[in-house]
Amino acid sequence: MWGALTAVIGVLFVVWGRAESDFVVYRLLAARSRILWGDGVHNFYQVVGIILIVVGVLIAVFGS
């Protein structure tokens, strides 16, 4: 269950980062991250989303 939830959050990050979403939660996260990442904040969230998908799948497959 936790692995699937983690993977779904990863998919959301990839989609939001790709679309440069105006969803409130994403805007808040992006505003905080923009301090460090500047204009690359959307690419950052796409990479983080891919990492979360991989971790979520690993948790789902190998988790107990």
PDB file of N, CA and C in Angstrom:
ATOM      1  N   MET A   1       0.814  -1.187   0.000  1.00  0.00           N
ATOM      2  CA  MET A   1       0.000   0.000   0.000  1.00  0.00           C
ATOM      3  C   MET A   1       0.868   1.265   0.000  1.00  0.00           C
ATOM      4  N   TRP A   2       1.893   1.321   0.860  1.00  0.00           N
ATOM      5  CA  TRP A   2       2.738   2.511   0.941  1.00  0.00           C
ATOM      6  C   TRP A   2       3.554   2.709  -0.331  1.00  0.00           C
ATOM      7  N   GLY A   3       3.962   1.612  -0.935  1.00  0.00           N
ATOM      8  CA  GLY A   3       4.705   1.717  -2.179  1.00  0.00           C
ATOM      9  C   GLY A   3       3.866   2.307  -3.293  1.00  0.00           C
ATOM     10  N   ALA A   4       2.618   1.858  -3.374  1.00  0.00           N
ATOM     11  CA  ALA A   4       1.710   2.381  -4.401  1.00  0.00           C
ATOM     12  C   ALA A   4       1.424   3.865  -4.159  1.00  0.00           C
ATOM     13  N   LEU A   5       1.237   4.243  -2.908  1.00  0.00           N
ATOM     14  CA  LEU A   5       0.997   5.652  -2.582  1.00  0.00           C
ATOM     15  C   LEU A   5       2.205   6.517  -2.945  1.00  0.00           C
ATOM     16  N   THR A   6       3.395   6.028  -2.645  1.00  0.00           N
ATOM     17  CA  THR A   6       4.617   6.747  -2.996  1.00  0.00           C
ATOM     18  C   THR A   6       4.740   6.907  -4.508  1.00  0.00           C
ATOM     19  N   ALA A   7       4.436   5.857  -5.248  1.00  0.00           N
ATOM     20  CA  ALA A   7       4.514   5.911  -6.708  1.00  0.00           C
ATOM     21  C   ALA A   7       3.481   6.894  -7.275  1.00  0.00           C
ATOM     22  N   VAL A   8       2.294   6.922  -6.703  1.00  0.00           N
ATOM     23  CA  VAL A   8       1.264   7.858  -7.171  1.00  0.00           C
ATOM     24  C   VAL A   8       1.702   9.302  -6.933  1.00  0.00           C
ATOM     25  N   ILE A   9       2.290   9.571  -5.784  1.00  0.00           N
ATOM     26  CA  ILE A   9       2.802  10.922  -5.517  1.00  0.00           C
ATOM     27  C   ILE A   9       3.901  11.267  -6.525  1.00  0.00           C
ATOM     28  N   GLY A  10       4.739  10.299  -6.859  1.00  0.00           N
ATOM     29  CA  GLY A  10       5.770  10.513  -7.874  1.00  0.00           C
ATOM     30  C   GLY A  10       5.171  10.853  -9.226  1.00  0.00           C
ATOM     31  N   VAL A  11       4.121  10.146  -9.598  1.00  0.00           N
ATOM     32  CA  VAL A  11       3.448  10.435 -10.875  1.00  0.00           C
ATOM     33  C   VAL A  11       2.875  11.851 -10.856  1.00  0.00           C
ATOM     34  N   LEU A  12       2.278  12.245  -9.735  1.00  0.00           N
ATOM     35  CA  LEU A  12       1.747  13.606  -9.635  1.00  0.00           C
ATOM     36  C   LEU A  12       2.850  14.644  -9.797  1.00  0.00           C
ATOM     37  N   PHE A  13       4.000  14.417  -9.158  1.00  0.00           N
ATOM     38  CA  PHE A  13       5.107  15.358  -9.288  1.00  0.00           C
ATOM     39  C   PHE A  13       5.578  15.460 -10.733  1.00  0.00           C
ATOM     40  N   VAL A  14       5.664  14.341 -11.424  1.00  0.00           N
ATOM     41  CA  VAL A  14       6.099  14.365 -12.824  1.00  0.00           C
ATOM     42  C   VAL A  14       5.089  15.140 -13.669  1.00  0.00           C
ATOM     43  N   VAL A  15       3.811  14.857 -13.486  1.00  0.00           N
ATOM     44  CA  VAL A  15       2.773  15.527 -14.278  1.00  0.00           C
ATOM     45  C   VAL A  15       2.740  17.024 -13.966  1.00  0.00           C
ATOM     46  N   TRP A  16       2.754  17.365 -12.673  1.00  0.00           N
ATOM     47  CA  TRP A  16       2.723  18.779 -12.296  1.00  0.00           C
ATOM     48  C   TRP A  16       3.957  19.517 -12.786  1.00  0.00           C
ATOM     49  N   GLY A  17       5.118  18.902 -12.677  1.00  0.00           N
ATOM     50  CA  GLY A  17       6.342  19.541 -13.136  1.00  0.00           C
ATOM     51  C   GLY A  17       6.362  19.725 -14.640  1.00  0.00           C
ATOM     52  N   ARG A  18       5.851  18.726 -15.340  1.00  0.00           N
ATOM     53  CA  ARG A  18       5.819  18.789 -16.804  1.00  0.00           C
ATOM     54  C   ARG A  18       4.878  19.891 -17.290  1.00  0.00           C
ATOM     55  N   ALA A  19       3.722  19.998 -16.626  1.00  0.00           N
ATOM     56  CA  ALA A  19       2.711  20.966 -17.045  1.00  0.00           C
ATOM     57  C   ALA A  19       2.913  22.332 -16.392  1.00  0.00           C
ATOM     58  N   GLU A  20       3.876  22.429 -15.473  1.00  0.00           N
ATOM     59  CA  GLU A  20       4.063  23.651 -14.683  1.00  0.00           C
ATOM     60  C   GLU A  20       2.716  24.080 -14.100  1.00  0.00           C
ATOM     61  N   SER A  21       2.128  23.149 -13.383  1.00  0.00           N
ATOM     62  CA  SER A  21       0.765  23.233 -12.882  1.00  0.00           C
ATOM     63  C   SER A  21       0.513  24.460 -12.011  1.00  0.00           C
ATOM     64  N   ASP A  22      -0.746  24.877 -11.977  1.00  0.00           N
ATOM     65  CA  ASP A  22      -1.189  25.970 -11.113  1.00  0.00           C
ATOM     66  C   ASP A  22      -1.934  25.438  -9.895  1.00  0.00           C
ATOM     67  N   PHE A  23      -1.855  24.118  -9.659  1.00  0.00           N
ATOM     68  CA  PHE A  23      -2.497  23.524  -8.489  1.00  0.00           C
ATOM     69  C   PHE A  23      -1.865  24.105  -7.232  1.00  0.00           C
ATOM     70  N   VAL A  24      -2.673  24.397  -6.236  1.00  0.00           N
ATOM     71  CA  VAL A  24      -2.229  25.131  -5.052  1.00  0.00           C
ATOM     72  C   VAL A  24      -1.066  24.429  -4.352  1.00  0.00           C
ATOM     73  N   VAL A  25      -1.177  23.135  -4.138  1.00  0.00           N
ATOM     74  CA  VAL A  25      -0.116  22.406  -3.430  1.00  0.00           C
ATOM     75  C   VAL A  25       1.194  22.490  -4.208  1.00  0.00           C
ATOM     76  N   TYR A  26       1.122  22.295  -5.517  1.00  0.00           N
ATOM     77  CA  TYR A  26       2.335  22.363  -6.330  1.00  0.00           C
ATOM     78  C   TYR A  26       2.926  23.765  -6.319  1.00  0.00           C
ATOM     79  N   ARG A  27       2.085  24.784  -6.395  1.00  0.00           N
ATOM     80  CA  ARG A  27       2.601  26.164  -6.370  1.00  0.00           C
ATOM     81  C   ARG A  27       3.339  26.456  -5.074  1.00  0.00           C
ATOM     82  N   LEU A  28       2.805  25.962  -3.955  1.00  0.00           N
ATOM     83  CA  LEU A  28       3.474  26.168  -2.670  1.00  0.00           C
ATOM     84  C   LEU A  28       4.822  25.455  -2.629  1.00  0.00           C
ATOM     85  N   LEU A  29       4.847  24.201  -3.081  1.00  0.00           N
ATOM     86  CA  LEU A  29       6.104  23.451  -3.108  1.00  0.00           C
ATOM     87  C   LEU A  29       7.119  24.109  -4.047  1.00  0.00           C
ATOM     88  N   ALA A  30       6.653  24.521  -5.216  1.00  0.00           N
ATOM     89  CA  ALA A  30       7.551  25.135  -6.195  1.00  0.00           C
ATOM     90  C   ALA A  30       8.083  26.473  -5.705  1.00  0.00           C
ATOM     91  N   ALA A  31       7.259  27.229  -5.004  1.00  0.00           N
ATOM     92  CA  ALA A  31       7.714  28.523  -4.485  1.00  0.00           C
ATOM     93  C   ALA A  31       8.833  28.329  -3.470  1.00  0.00           C
ATOM     94  N   ARG A  32       8.707  27.327  -2.616  1.00  0.00           N
ATOM     95  CA  ARG A  32       9.762  27.051  -1.640  1.00  0.00           C
ATOM     96  C   ARG A  32      11.031  26.555  -2.326  1.00  0.00           C
ATOM     97  N   SER A  33      10.869  25.732  -3.335  1.00  0.00           N
ATOM     98  CA  SER A  33      12.031  25.151  -4.015  1.00  0.00           C
ATOM     99  C   SER A  33      12.703  26.135  -4.959  1.00  0.00           C
ATOM    100  N   ARG A  34      11.963  27.125  -5.411  1.00  0.00           N
ATOM    101  CA  ARG A  34      12.510  28.095  -6.357  1.00  0.00           C
ATOM    102  C   ARG A  34      13.681  28.867  -5.750  1.00  0.00           C
ATOM    103  N   ILE A  35      13.703  29.000  -4.428  1.00  0.00           N
ATOM    104  CA  ILE A  35      14.794  29.696  -3.749  1.00  0.00           C
ATOM    105  C   ILE A  35      16.120  29.026  -4.071  1.00  0.00           C
ATOM    106  N   LEU A  36      16.135  27.703  -4.057  1.00  0.00           N
ATOM    107  CA  LEU A  36      17.363  26.957  -4.311  1.00  0.00           C
ATOM    108  C   LEU A  36      17.563  26.640  -5.787  1.00  0.00           C
ATOM    109  N   TRP A  37      16.487  26.267  -6.498  1.00  0.00           N
ATOM    110  CA  TRP A  37      16.610  25.762  -7.861  1.00  0.00           C
ATOM    111  C   TRP A  37      16.363  26.806  -8.939  1.00  0.00           C
ATOM    112  N   GLY A  38      15.835  27.946  -8.587  1.00  0.00           N
ATOM    113  CA  GLY A  38      15.592  28.999  -9.581  1.00  0.00           C
ATOM    114  C   GLY A  38      14.589  28.565 -10.633  1.00  0.00           C
ATOM    115  N   ASP A  39      14.937  28.823 -11.892  1.00  0.00           N
ATOM    116  CA  ASP A  39      14.030  28.496 -12.994  1.00  0.00           C
ATOM    117  C   ASP A  39      13.972  26.992 -13.283  1.00  0.00           C
ATOM    118  N   GLY A  40      14.874  26.215 -12.719  1.00  0.00           N
ATOM    119  CA  GLY A  40      14.892  24.768 -12.939  1.00  0.00           C
ATOM    120  C   GLY A  40      14.004  24.006 -11.981  1.00  0.00           C
ATOM    121  N   VAL A  41      13.132  24.702 -11.276  1.00  0.00           N
ATOM    122  CA  VAL A  41      12.311  24.054 -10.255  1.00  0.00           C
ATOM    123  C   VAL A  41      11.384  22.996 -10.851  1.00  0.00           C
ATOM    124  N   HIS A  42      10.869  23.220 -12.050  1.00  0.00           N
ATOM    125  CA  HIS A  42       9.952  22.257 -12.656  1.00  0.00           C
ATOM    126  C   HIS A  42      10.708  20.996 -13.080  1.00  0.00           C
ATOM    127  N   ASN A  43      11.902  21.170 -13.601  1.00  0.00           N
ATOM    128  CA  ASN A  43      12.726  20.002 -13.935  1.00  0.00           C
ATOM    129  C   ASN A  43      13.100  19.230 -12.675  1.00  0.00           C
ATOM    130  N   PHE A  44      13.371  19.951 -11.599  1.00  0.00           N
ATOM    131  CA  PHE A  44      13.681  19.326 -10.323  1.00  0.00           C
ATOM    132  C   PHE A  44      12.534  18.424  -9.881  1.00  0.00           C
ATOM    133  N   TYR A  45      11.301  18.906  -9.967  1.00  0.00           N
ATOM    134  CA  TYR A  45      10.163  18.101  -9.538  1.00  0.00           C
ATOM    135  C   TYR A  45       9.904  16.923 -10.471  1.00  0.00           C
ATOM    136  N   GLN A  46      10.251  17.039 -11.736  1.00  0.00           N
ATOM    137  CA  GLN A  46      10.134  15.892 -12.630  1.00  0.00           C
ATOM    138  C   GLN A  46      11.115  14.799 -12.229  1.00  0.00           C
ATOM    139  N   VAL A  47      12.351  15.186 -11.909  1.00  0.00           N
ATOM    140  CA  VAL A  47      13.357  14.207 -11.486  1.00  0.00           C
ATOM    141  C   VAL A  47      12.962  13.585 -10.148  1.00  0.00           C
ATOM    142  N   VAL A  48      12.506  14.409  -9.219  1.00  0.00           N
ATOM    143  CA  VAL A  48      12.062  13.891  -7.921  1.00  0.00           C
ATOM    144  C   VAL A  48      10.889  12.926  -8.108  1.00  0.00           C
ATOM    145  N   GLY A  49       9.988  13.247  -9.005  1.00  0.00           N
ATOM    146  CA  GLY A  49       8.855  12.359  -9.279  1.00  0.00           C
ATOM    147  C   GLY A  49       9.302  11.010  -9.806  1.00  0.00           C
ATOM    148  N   ILE A  50      10.267  11.008 -10.709  1.00  0.00           N
ATOM    149  CA  ILE A  50      10.780   9.743 -11.245  1.00  0.00           C
ATOM    150  C   ILE A  50      11.438   8.928 -10.141  1.00  0.00           C
ATOM    151  N   ILE A  51      12.194   9.595  -9.286  1.00  0.00           N
ATOM    152  CA  ILE A  51      12.836   8.899  -8.165  1.00  0.00           C
ATOM    153  C   ILE A  51      11.775   8.322  -7.223  1.00  0.00           C
ATOM    154  N   LEU A  52      10.720   9.074  -6.938  1.00  0.00           N
ATOM    155  CA  LEU A  52       9.653   8.576  -6.074  1.00  0.00           C
ATOM    156  C   LEU A  52       8.935   7.378  -6.698  1.00  0.00           C
ATOM    157  N   ILE A  53       8.747   7.391  -8.005  1.00  0.00           N
ATOM    158  CA  ILE A  53       8.117   6.253  -8.673  1.00  0.00           C
ATOM    159  C   ILE A  53       8.970   5.009  -8.494  1.00  0.00           C
ATOM    160  N   VAL A  54      10.273   5.141  -8.710  1.00  0.00           N
ATOM    161  CA  VAL A  54      11.183   3.994  -8.572  1.00  0.00           C
ATOM    162  C   VAL A  54      11.181   3.490  -7.128  1.00  0.00           C
ATOM    163  N   VAL A  55      11.293   4.398  -6.178  1.00  0.00           N
ATOM    164  CA  VAL A  55      11.287   4.001  -4.764  1.00  0.00           C
ATOM    165  C   VAL A  55       9.955   3.357  -4.398  1.00  0.00           C
ATOM    166  N   GLY A  56       8.855   3.904  -4.878  1.00  0.00           N
ATOM    167  CA  GLY A  56       7.538   3.330  -4.600  1.00  0.00           C
ATOM    168  C   GLY A  56       7.394   1.921  -5.140  1.00  0.00           C
ATOM    169  N   VAL A  57       7.891   1.694  -6.345  1.00  0.00           N
ATOM    170  CA  VAL A  57       7.836   0.347  -6.924  1.00  0.00           C
ATOM    171  C   VAL A  57       8.707  -0.608  -6.120  1.00  0.00           C
ATOM    172  N   LEU A  58       9.891  -0.152  -5.722  1.00  0.00           N
ATOM    173  CA  LEU A  58      10.769  -1.006  -4.915  1.00  0.00           C
ATOM    174  C   LEU A  58      10.135  -1.339  -3.571  1.00  0.00           C
ATOM    175  N   ILE A  59       9.483  -0.374  -2.942  1.00  0.00           N
ATOM    176  CA  ILE A  59       8.789  -0.635  -1.678  1.00  0.00           C
ATOM    177  C   ILE A  59       7.657  -1.637  -1.890  1.00  0.00           C
ATOM    178  N   ALA A  60       6.909  -1.461  -2.969  1.00  0.00           N
ATOM    179  CA  ALA A  60       5.788  -2.356  -3.248  1.00  0.00           C
ATOM    180  C   ALA A  60       6.257  -3.785  -3.522  1.00  0.00           C
ATOM    181  N   VAL A  61       7.395  -3.929  -4.194  1.00  0.00           N
ATOM    182  CA  VAL A  61       7.870  -5.258  -4.559  1.00  0.00           C
ATOM    183  C   VAL A  61       8.619  -5.928  -3.407  1.00  0.00           C
ATOM    184  N   PHE A  62       9.507  -5.187  -2.757  1.00  0.00           N
ATOM    185  CA  PHE A  62      10.380  -5.788  -1.758  1.00  0.00           C
ATOM    186  C   PHE A  62       9.987  -5.477  -0.317  1.00  0.00           C
ATOM    187  N   GLY A  63       9.033  -4.576  -0.120  1.00  0.00           N
ATOM    188  CA  GLY A  63       8.626  -4.209   1.231  1.00  0.00           C
ATOM    189  C   GLY A  63       7.899  -5.358   1.916  1.00  0.00           C
ATOM    190  N   SER A  64       7.892  -5.305   3.212  1.00  0.00           N
ATOM    191  CA  SER A  64       7.243  -6.413   3.926  1.00  0.00           C
ATOM    192  C   SER A  64       5.857  -6.050   4.395  1.00  0.00           C
TER     193      SER A  64
END
